[in-house]
Protein backbone atom coordinates (compact mmCIF):
# COMPACT_ATOMS: atom_id res chain seq x y z
CA UNK A 1 113.90 118.84 135.33
CA UNK A 2 116.94 121.13 135.32
CA UNK A 3 119.75 120.24 132.91
CA UNK A 4 123.00 122.08 133.54
CA UNK A 5 124.88 121.86 130.27
CA UNK A 6 128.54 122.59 129.59
CA UNK A 7 130.47 123.67 126.50
CA UNK A 8 131.46 126.72 124.53
CA UNK A 9 131.09 125.38 121.00
CA UNK A 10 128.32 123.46 119.22
CA UNK A 11 130.41 120.27 119.25
CA UNK A 12 131.12 120.56 122.98
CA UNK A 13 127.47 121.17 123.88
CA UNK A 14 126.37 118.29 121.64
CA UNK A 15 129.00 115.99 123.15
CA UNK A 16 127.82 116.81 126.69
CA UNK A 17 124.23 115.98 125.81
CA UNK A 18 125.20 112.84 123.89
CA UNK A 19 127.09 111.53 126.94
CA UNK A 20 124.10 112.14 129.21
CA UNK A 21 121.73 110.42 126.80
CA UNK A 22 124.00 107.39 126.28
CA UNK A 23 124.47 106.99 130.05
CA UNK A 24 120.73 107.06 130.60
CA UNK A 25 120.75 110.32 132.54
CA UNK A 26 118.28 111.75 130.05
CA UNK A 27 115.48 109.29 129.28
CA UNK A 28 113.45 109.15 126.07
CA UNK A 29 110.95 111.97 125.90
CA UNK A 30 112.94 114.30 128.15
CA UNK A 31 112.40 117.91 127.13
CA UNK A 32 115.67 119.76 126.54
CA UNK A 33 116.06 123.39 127.59
CA UNK A 34 115.11 125.96 125.00
CA UNK A 35 117.78 127.35 122.70
CA UNK A 36 117.36 130.75 124.32
CA UNK A 37 117.81 129.35 127.83
CA UNK A 38 120.93 127.32 126.96
CA UNK A 39 122.51 130.28 125.16
CA UNK A 40 121.89 132.53 128.17
CA UNK A 41 123.22 129.97 130.68
CA UNK A 42 126.41 129.25 128.73
CA UNK A 43 126.98 132.75 127.39
CA UNK A 44 127.07 131.63 123.77
CA UNK A 45 125.30 132.70 120.61
CA UNK A 46 121.89 131.12 120.02
CA UNK A 47 123.07 129.81 116.63
CA UNK A 48 125.72 127.79 118.50
CA UNK A 49 122.99 125.99 120.47
CA UNK A 50 120.89 125.53 117.31
CA UNK A 51 123.89 123.86 115.64
CA UNK A 52 124.43 121.60 118.68
CA UNK A 53 120.80 120.46 118.67
CA UNK A 54 121.00 119.90 114.91
CA UNK A 55 124.02 117.61 115.35
CA UNK A 56 122.08 115.54 117.87
CA UNK A 57 119.03 115.40 115.59
CA UNK A 58 121.17 114.22 112.68
CA UNK A 59 122.50 111.44 114.94
CA UNK A 60 118.94 110.43 115.78
CA UNK A 61 119.37 111.26 119.47
CA UNK A 62 116.81 114.05 119.73
CA UNK A 63 113.67 115.12 117.88
CA UNK A 64 112.57 118.68 117.21
CA UNK A 65 108.81 118.89 117.70
CA UNK A 66 108.11 122.51 116.81
CA UNK A 67 106.21 124.16 119.63
CA UNK A 68 106.67 120.97 121.62
CA UNK A 69 110.39 121.74 121.90
CA UNK A 70 113.32 119.37 121.42
CA UNK A 71 113.09 116.01 123.19
CA UNK A 72 115.29 112.98 123.60
CA UNK A 73 114.32 110.41 120.97
CA UNK A 74 112.57 107.18 121.86
CA UNK A 75 114.76 104.58 120.19
CA UNK A 76 112.40 101.69 120.97
CA UNK A 77 111.76 99.37 118.05
CA UNK A 78 108.62 99.94 115.98
CA UNK A 79 106.26 96.98 115.75
CA UNK A 80 106.57 95.04 112.50
CA UNK A 81 104.42 92.75 110.38
CA UNK A 82 104.60 88.97 110.50
CA UNK A 83 104.03 85.97 112.69
CA UNK A 84 104.72 86.18 116.40
CA UNK A 85 107.44 83.61 117.19
CA UNK A 86 107.17 81.00 119.94
CA UNK A 87 103.42 81.13 120.50
CA UNK A 88 100.96 78.25 120.80
CA UNK A 89 98.04 80.57 120.03
CA UNK A 90 96.30 80.80 116.67
CA UNK A 91 97.86 83.94 115.17
CA UNK A 92 95.34 86.07 113.27
CA UNK A 93 97.32 89.30 113.28
CA UNK A 94 100.15 88.50 110.90
CA UNK A 95 99.41 90.71 107.88
CA UNK A 96 100.74 87.92 105.66
CA UNK A 97 99.36 86.77 102.31
CA UNK A 98 98.15 83.18 102.05
CA UNK A 99 101.19 81.05 101.09
CA UNK A 100 98.90 78.71 99.13
CA UNK A 101 98.03 81.63 96.84
CA UNK A 102 101.61 82.68 96.11
CA UNK A 103 102.72 81.38 92.69
CA UNK A 104 105.44 78.74 92.48
CA UNK A 105 108.56 80.49 91.10
CA UNK A 106 110.47 77.30 90.23
CA UNK A 107 109.91 77.30 86.47
CA UNK A 108 110.39 81.06 86.17
CA UNK A 109 113.57 80.90 88.21
CA UNK A 110 114.99 78.18 85.97
CA UNK A 111 114.60 80.50 82.99
CA UNK A 112 116.18 83.46 84.79
CA UNK A 113 119.78 82.40 85.36
CA UNK A 114 122.38 84.24 83.26
CA UNK A 115 125.71 85.61 84.46
CA UNK A 116 125.55 89.35 85.07
CA UNK A 117 128.79 91.27 85.45
CA UNK A 118 129.85 94.55 87.03
CA UNK A 119 128.94 97.53 84.92
CA UNK A 120 125.82 96.10 83.28
CA UNK A 121 122.60 98.17 83.50
CA UNK A 122 121.05 97.95 86.96
CA UNK A 123 117.54 97.33 85.55
CA UNK A 124 116.71 94.37 83.36
CA UNK A 125 115.52 95.84 80.02
CA UNK A 126 112.56 93.49 79.79
CA UNK A 127 111.35 94.32 83.30
CA UNK A 128 111.82 98.02 82.68
CA UNK A 129 109.74 97.88 79.50
CA UNK A 130 106.94 95.95 81.20
CA UNK A 131 107.00 98.16 84.30
CA UNK A 132 106.88 101.38 82.27
CA UNK A 133 103.57 100.33 80.74
CA UNK A 134 102.22 98.93 84.04
CA UNK A 135 103.04 102.08 86.04
CA UNK A 136 101.87 104.69 83.53
CA UNK A 137 98.23 105.00 84.65
CA UNK A 138 97.39 108.60 85.69
CA UNK A 139 100.99 109.74 85.88
CA UNK A 140 101.37 113.43 84.97
CA UNK A 141 104.18 113.41 82.41
CA UNK A 142 105.77 111.48 79.58
CA UNK A 143 109.36 111.46 80.86
CA UNK A 144 108.69 108.87 83.58
CA UNK A 145 111.74 107.04 84.84
CA UNK A 146 111.69 103.48 86.24
CA UNK A 147 113.78 102.30 89.20
CA UNK A 148 113.90 98.84 90.80
CA UNK A 149 114.58 98.51 94.53
CA UNK A 150 114.63 95.74 97.13
CA UNK A 151 111.01 96.19 98.14
CA UNK A 152 108.77 99.15 98.93
CA UNK A 153 110.43 100.00 102.25
CA UNK A 154 113.79 100.15 100.52
CA UNK A 155 112.30 102.49 97.91
CA UNK A 156 110.78 104.79 100.55
CA UNK A 157 114.04 104.84 102.51
CA UNK A 158 116.05 105.79 99.41
CA UNK A 159 113.50 108.33 98.23
CA UNK A 160 113.53 110.13 101.57
CA UNK A 161 117.32 109.94 101.87
CA UNK A 162 117.90 111.59 98.48
CA UNK A 163 115.50 114.44 99.22
CA UNK A 164 115.54 115.09 102.97
CA UNK A 165 117.85 115.65 105.90
CA UNK A 166 117.49 114.25 109.39
CA UNK A 167 114.76 115.99 111.40
CA UNK A 168 112.86 117.01 108.26
CA UNK A 169 109.12 116.42 108.58
CA UNK A 170 107.24 113.71 106.67
CA UNK A 171 103.45 113.45 106.47
CA UNK A 172 102.21 109.94 107.28
CA UNK A 173 98.70 108.56 107.36
CA UNK A 174 97.35 108.04 110.87
CA UNK A 175 96.90 105.13 111.49
CA UNK A 176 99.98 104.20 109.50
CA UNK A 177 101.55 101.22 107.74
CA UNK A 178 104.10 99.91 110.26
CA UNK A 179 106.92 99.59 107.74
CA UNK A 180 106.57 103.22 106.61
CA UNK A 181 106.55 104.42 110.20
CA UNK A 182 109.64 102.34 110.97
CA UNK A 183 111.45 103.72 107.90
CA UNK A 184 110.68 107.32 108.80
CA UNK A 185 111.73 106.94 112.42
CA UNK A 186 114.95 105.06 111.78
CA UNK A 187 115.84 107.62 109.11
CA UNK A 188 115.72 110.35 111.73
CA UNK A 189 112.77 112.20 110.19
CA UNK A 190 109.80 113.66 112.05
CA UNK A 191 106.48 111.94 111.40
CA UNK A 192 103.54 114.34 111.12
CA UNK A 193 100.20 112.49 111.39
CA UNK A 194 97.42 112.95 108.83
CA UNK A 195 94.09 111.44 109.80
CA UNK A 196 92.51 108.74 107.63
CA UNK A 197 88.79 108.16 107.16
CA UNK A 198 86.73 105.84 104.96
CA UNK A 199 87.98 107.64 101.83
CA UNK A 200 91.64 107.64 102.80
CA UNK A 201 93.94 110.54 103.74
CA UNK A 202 91.88 113.56 104.80
CA UNK A 203 92.13 116.92 103.07
CA UNK A 204 92.20 118.98 106.26
CA UNK A 205 94.86 116.70 107.71
CA UNK A 206 97.07 117.03 104.64
CA UNK A 207 96.65 120.79 104.57
CA UNK A 208 97.64 121.04 108.24
CA UNK A 209 100.72 118.87 107.66
CA UNK A 210 101.82 121.00 104.71
CA UNK A 211 101.29 124.16 106.75
CA UNK A 212 103.51 122.56 109.42
CA UNK A 213 106.32 122.36 106.86
CA UNK A 214 106.48 118.71 105.81
CA UNK A 215 108.93 118.12 102.96
CA UNK A 216 107.49 114.76 101.90
CA UNK A 217 104.07 113.08 101.90
CA UNK A 218 103.55 109.32 101.86
CA UNK A 219 100.05 108.35 100.74
CA UNK A 220 98.41 104.97 100.14
CA UNK A 221 95.89 105.42 97.30
CA UNK A 222 94.11 102.10 97.88
CA UNK A 223 94.05 99.18 100.34
CA UNK A 224 95.42 101.39 103.10
CA UNK A 225 97.09 99.31 105.78
CA UNK A 226 95.63 98.91 108.40
CA UNK A 227 92.17 100.35 107.64
CA UNK A 228 91.61 99.03 104.10
CA UNK A 229 90.46 102.48 102.92
CA UNK A 230 90.90 103.54 99.29
CA UNK A 231 90.83 107.05 97.92
CA UNK A 232 87.63 108.04 96.15
CA UNK A 233 87.89 110.04 92.94
CA UNK A 234 86.57 113.12 94.75
CA UNK A 235 89.01 112.78 97.64
CA UNK A 236 91.98 112.26 95.34
CA UNK A 237 90.98 115.35 93.35
CA UNK A 238 90.82 117.43 96.53
CA UNK A 239 94.20 116.15 97.73
CA UNK A 240 95.76 116.99 94.37
CA UNK A 241 94.41 120.51 94.67
CA UNK A 242 96.05 120.95 98.08
CA UNK A 243 99.34 119.49 96.88
CA UNK A 244 99.30 121.77 93.83
CA UNK A 245 100.06 124.64 96.21
CA UNK A 246 103.27 122.83 97.25
CA UNK A 247 104.79 121.57 93.96
CA UNK A 248 108.26 120.89 95.39
CA UNK A 249 107.09 118.67 98.25
CA UNK A 250 108.04 115.07 97.48
CA UNK A 251 104.85 113.03 97.01
CA UNK A 252 105.29 109.28 97.45
CA UNK A 253 102.36 107.11 96.39
CA UNK A 254 102.64 103.61 97.87
CA UNK A 255 100.34 101.42 95.76
CA UNK A 256 101.39 98.28 97.62
CA UNK A 257 98.33 96.10 96.80
CA UNK A 258 98.24 96.96 93.06
CA UNK A 259 97.33 93.76 91.13
CA UNK A 260 95.32 92.41 94.08
CA UNK A 261 93.30 95.55 94.70
CA UNK A 262 89.55 95.54 94.13
CA UNK A 263 89.44 99.35 94.15
CA UNK A 264 90.25 101.63 91.20
CA UNK A 265 93.40 103.73 91.42
CA UNK A 266 92.84 107.42 92.06
CA UNK A 267 96.21 109.15 92.12
CA UNK A 268 97.24 112.14 94.25
CA UNK A 269 100.08 113.03 91.88
CA UNK A 270 99.01 116.12 89.93
CA UNK A 271 100.33 117.56 86.68
CA UNK A 272 102.16 120.38 88.44
CA UNK A 273 103.91 118.19 91.02
CA UNK A 274 107.65 118.52 90.45
CA UNK A 275 108.86 115.76 92.79
CA UNK A 276 106.93 112.53 92.95
CA UNK A 277 107.19 108.75 92.96
CA UNK A 278 104.81 105.83 92.70
CA UNK A 279 105.90 102.53 94.26
CA UNK A 280 104.47 99.08 93.55
CA UNK A 281 105.81 96.12 95.47
CA UNK A 282 105.60 92.48 94.41
CA UNK A 283 105.43 91.19 97.98
CA UNK A 284 101.65 90.81 98.33
CA UNK A 285 101.05 88.74 95.17
CA UNK A 286 104.46 87.11 94.54
CA UNK A 287 105.34 86.71 98.22
CA UNK A 288 107.27 88.80 100.80
CA UNK A 289 110.55 87.07 99.95
CA UNK A 290 110.37 88.50 96.43
CA UNK A 291 111.93 91.67 97.90
CA UNK A 292 111.40 93.71 94.74
CA UNK A 293 109.50 96.90 94.03
CA UNK A 294 109.18 99.09 90.96
CA UNK A 295 109.21 102.88 91.32
CA UNK A 296 108.07 105.33 88.65
CA UNK A 297 109.21 108.89 89.26
CA UNK A 298 110.16 112.21 87.75
CA UNK A 299 113.69 112.35 86.25
CA UNK A 300 115.26 114.38 89.08
CA UNK A 301 113.98 112.01 91.74
CA UNK A 302 115.10 109.06 89.64
CA UNK A 303 118.59 110.55 89.37
CA UNK A 304 118.71 110.82 93.16
CA UNK A 305 117.71 107.17 93.46
CA UNK A 306 120.26 106.12 90.85
CA UNK A 307 123.10 107.48 92.96
CA UNK A 308 122.18 104.90 95.59
CA UNK A 309 121.63 102.05 93.13
CA UNK A 310 124.88 101.63 91.24
CA UNK A 311 126.41 98.71 89.33
CA UNK A 312 128.70 96.63 91.50
CA UNK A 313 127.23 97.75 94.82
CA UNK A 314 123.51 97.95 95.51
CA UNK A 315 121.55 96.89 92.46
CA UNK A 316 118.70 94.37 92.73
CA UNK A 317 119.63 90.88 91.54
CA UNK A 318 118.96 90.39 87.83
CA UNK A 319 117.98 86.81 88.56
CA UNK A 320 115.22 88.15 90.79
CA UNK A 321 114.25 90.77 88.21
CA UNK A 322 113.97 88.26 85.38
CA UNK A 323 112.10 85.77 87.57
CA UNK A 324 109.62 88.51 88.47
CA UNK A 325 109.14 89.42 84.82
CA UNK A 326 108.57 85.79 83.85
CA UNK A 327 105.93 85.43 86.56
CA UNK A 328 103.95 88.60 85.84
CA UNK A 329 103.92 87.81 82.11
CA UNK A 330 102.63 84.27 82.68
CA UNK A 331 98.89 84.03 81.96
CA UNK A 332 98.39 81.25 84.50
CA UNK A 333 100.16 83.25 87.20
CA UNK A 334 98.08 86.34 86.44
CA UNK A 335 94.92 84.24 86.62
CA UNK A 336 96.08 82.93 89.99
CA UNK A 337 96.68 86.48 91.23
CA UNK A 338 93.15 87.37 90.22
CA UNK A 339 91.78 84.35 92.12
CA UNK A 340 93.81 85.41 95.16
CA UNK A 341 92.35 88.91 94.96
CA UNK A 342 88.83 87.52 94.90
CA UNK A 343 89.65 85.17 97.78
CA UNK A 344 90.95 87.96 100.06
CA UNK A 345 87.98 90.22 99.29
CA UNK A 346 85.42 87.44 99.84
CA UNK A 347 86.93 86.21 103.10
CA UNK A 348 87.12 89.72 104.55
CA UNK A 349 83.56 90.53 103.49
CA UNK A 350 82.21 87.32 105.07
CA UNK A 351 84.02 87.90 108.34
CA UNK A 352 82.96 91.56 108.46
CA UNK A 353 79.36 90.46 107.99
CA UNK A 354 79.74 87.87 110.76
CA UNK A 355 81.04 90.49 113.19
CA UNK A 356 78.27 92.89 112.22
CA UNK A 357 75.70 90.20 112.94
CA UNK A 358 77.27 89.77 116.38
CA UNK A 359 76.92 93.42 117.28
CA UNK A 360 80.30 94.70 116.02
CA UNK A 361 79.60 96.75 112.87
CA UNK A 362 82.58 96.24 110.57
CA UNK A 363 83.13 97.47 107.02
CA UNK A 364 85.39 95.38 104.82
CA UNK A 365 87.94 97.51 103.02
CA UNK A 366 90.51 96.49 100.45
CA UNK A 367 93.66 94.56 101.31
CA UNK A 368 94.79 91.53 103.27
CA UNK A 369 93.42 92.66 106.62
CA UNK A 370 90.25 93.68 108.40
CA UNK A 371 90.04 96.78 110.62
CA UNK A 372 87.58 96.15 113.44
CA UNK A 373 86.30 99.01 115.66
CA UNK A 374 85.61 98.00 119.26
CA UNK A 375 83.27 99.42 121.93
CA UNK A 376 85.83 98.66 124.66
CA UNK A 377 89.63 99.01 124.99
CA UNK A 378 91.48 96.79 122.54
CA UNK A 379 93.94 95.60 125.20
CA UNK A 380 91.19 93.97 127.23
CA UNK A 381 89.79 92.25 124.12
CA UNK A 382 93.26 91.02 123.16
CA UNK A 383 93.86 89.56 126.61
CA UNK A 384 90.45 87.85 126.64
CA UNK A 385 91.10 86.38 123.19
CA UNK A 386 94.49 85.05 124.30
CA UNK A 387 92.71 83.06 127.01
CA UNK A 388 90.43 81.72 124.28
CA UNK A 389 93.40 80.61 122.14
CA UNK A 390 93.73 83.52 119.70
CA UNK A 391 96.54 85.99 119.11
CA UNK A 392 95.25 89.22 117.57
CA UNK A 393 96.87 92.55 116.80
CA UNK A 394 95.70 95.71 118.54
CA UNK A 395 95.32 98.88 116.53
CA UNK A 396 97.36 101.01 118.94
CA UNK A 397 100.83 100.45 117.37
CA UNK A 398 99.54 101.79 114.04
CA UNK A 399 98.65 105.22 115.42
CA UNK A 400 101.04 108.14 115.53
CA UNK A 401 98.89 110.41 117.68
CA UNK A 402 96.53 109.92 120.59
CA UNK A 403 94.19 112.41 118.91
CA UNK A 404 93.41 110.00 116.07
CA UNK A 405 93.62 106.77 118.07
CA UNK A 406 90.69 104.56 118.97
CA UNK A 407 89.93 101.00 119.99
CA UNK A 408 90.57 98.67 117.04
CA UNK A 409 91.79 95.22 116.10
CA UNK A 410 93.56 94.51 112.83
CA UNK A 411 92.82 90.94 111.81
CA UNK A 412 94.20 88.65 109.11
CA UNK A 413 91.42 86.10 108.60
CA UNK A 414 91.67 85.04 104.97
CA UNK A 415 93.15 81.61 105.79
CA UNK A 416 90.48 80.59 108.33
CA UNK A 417 88.04 77.86 107.39
CA UNK A 418 84.32 78.38 108.04
CA UNK A 419 84.29 76.74 111.48
CA UNK A 420 87.37 78.60 112.70
CA UNK A 421 86.06 81.90 111.36
CA UNK A 422 82.75 81.43 113.18
CA UNK A 423 84.57 80.54 116.39
CA UNK A 424 86.77 83.64 116.17
CA UNK A 425 83.80 85.90 115.44
CA UNK A 426 81.96 84.45 118.46
CA UNK A 427 84.99 84.92 120.69
CA UNK A 428 85.58 88.53 119.61
CA UNK A 429 81.93 89.38 120.25
CA UNK A 430 82.10 87.73 123.67
CA UNK A 431 85.35 89.50 124.54
CA UNK A 432 83.91 92.85 123.43
CA UNK A 433 80.72 92.22 125.39
CA UNK A 434 78.37 92.56 122.42
CA UNK A 435 77.08 89.02 122.37
CA UNK A 436 77.45 85.71 124.12
CA UNK A 437 79.70 83.19 122.46
CA UNK A 438 77.64 81.04 120.12
CA UNK A 439 77.90 77.29 119.64
CA UNK A 440 81.20 76.10 118.16
CA UNK A 441 79.17 74.34 115.49
CA UNK A 442 78.28 77.71 113.99
CA UNK A 443 79.62 78.40 110.50
CA UNK A 444 80.34 81.36 108.29
CA UNK A 445 79.10 80.28 104.91
CA UNK A 446 81.00 81.21 101.78
C-alpha cells in the first residue's frame, strides 16, 4: 500500500497521518513508510519524520515495532475479567473469587468512619505500619517506602507513567494477566512477550526482552494468571541474575494472590536493583470492590508515585484504608481467608484430576483458575460447550504472540458442586474428543 504523505514539519506530517487514521483511510495494523522513505519523498530531514512518528506514538495512534516498522495501532478493547452479561449459560470463565468466601466488611466499616480533611497524610498510619511488616519479605533494602493505590492495575499504571514514556517497551508474561495487558496498551507502551512455563517467566525470554530494550518488567511471582504457575527458587534466582545486568530497569512484582497463595514467595527483586516495586492487592481475598493495593518500592519510585497521589486530589479513601486494616487484623477474618485458600486449591485439584481421568491431562496451579491444555482448537471446544449450556473462556485473549499461543481453556470452577463439576468435566472431554460424555449422575468427590 502506497501512502503519499504531505507536510514540511513534524507537526504537519503528523497531522496528515492523524487525519487519515481518524477517517479510517489507514486501518489498524497498516505499515507506515519507513523514516528514510518519507524523508526522501518529502525532502525533509529524517529527524523531522522521526519526530512526527513520535508524536503519533505519544497519542497512541501508532506503534513502533522495531524491525517490524511503525504500524497503525489497534485500538480495540482488551478482554477483561468478570461475568459475561446477558447470558443464560453457566459462566465458568469469570476469574472471580467466591462471594461466599469474601469477609463481611460491615463491622469493620462501622469502626472506620472519621472525617478526613484536605492536607492529611495520604496513607493511614496504621495501615502503613501493618503493610510495611507484611511486604518486607525478601525485599533488598531497609529504606522501603509504602504507597496505597486504588488496586493493582492503578498501581501498575502509575508506576509505568512515572518511569516511562509512550512507546517505551514493557516485558509482559505470555500468556498475560488481562488487566496488565490492558494497562500497558492503553498507556501507549509496547508489550514485549516473555514466555511462561511451569516455573513461571522463562530466563531466555526475559533475557531476550531486556536485549530488545524493555524499560520495565512486570512479573507474577506466584499464582500467575492465567496459568497458575509460581516461580521456583531456582528460577527466581536465575531471573535475578539476568536482571542484575540491568539495574535501572523498573521491576514490578505483582503478588496479586498473596494471602491466598499456596506457593512460597520467591522474589525476582535483587539487591542491586535500583528501581523496583512489589504490589499486593486486596481484591482476591477481600473482594474486587475493595479497590485497594499496597505497593512497597524503592524511595525514588515511591517519590514518583507520590506525585500522582496527593492530598485533596487522588488519594485512596481513608475509610477504605481503615476498613481494610480492621479486616486483615481480625483473627476470624484471617482464618476465613485461610479456609478460602484451601477451598480454591482443593476445588482446582479435584477438577484437574477429573479432567486427567477423562483424557485431558491438567496440572492444577495456584490461584482462582485452572489452565486446561486442549488437543483441538479452543474455539471449537467453546462452541460445543455453549450448546451444552456452558460459557467458558478461551486462552487466546491472554496471549501476546502467536509464537507462544496454544489451545487452552481458562476455567473458574471453585463454586461448582460435585454434580455440576462432573457434568462440566464430561462435557469438556466430549467436546475435546477425548472421551464420551459420562452419565450425569457422575460425581467428583471432595
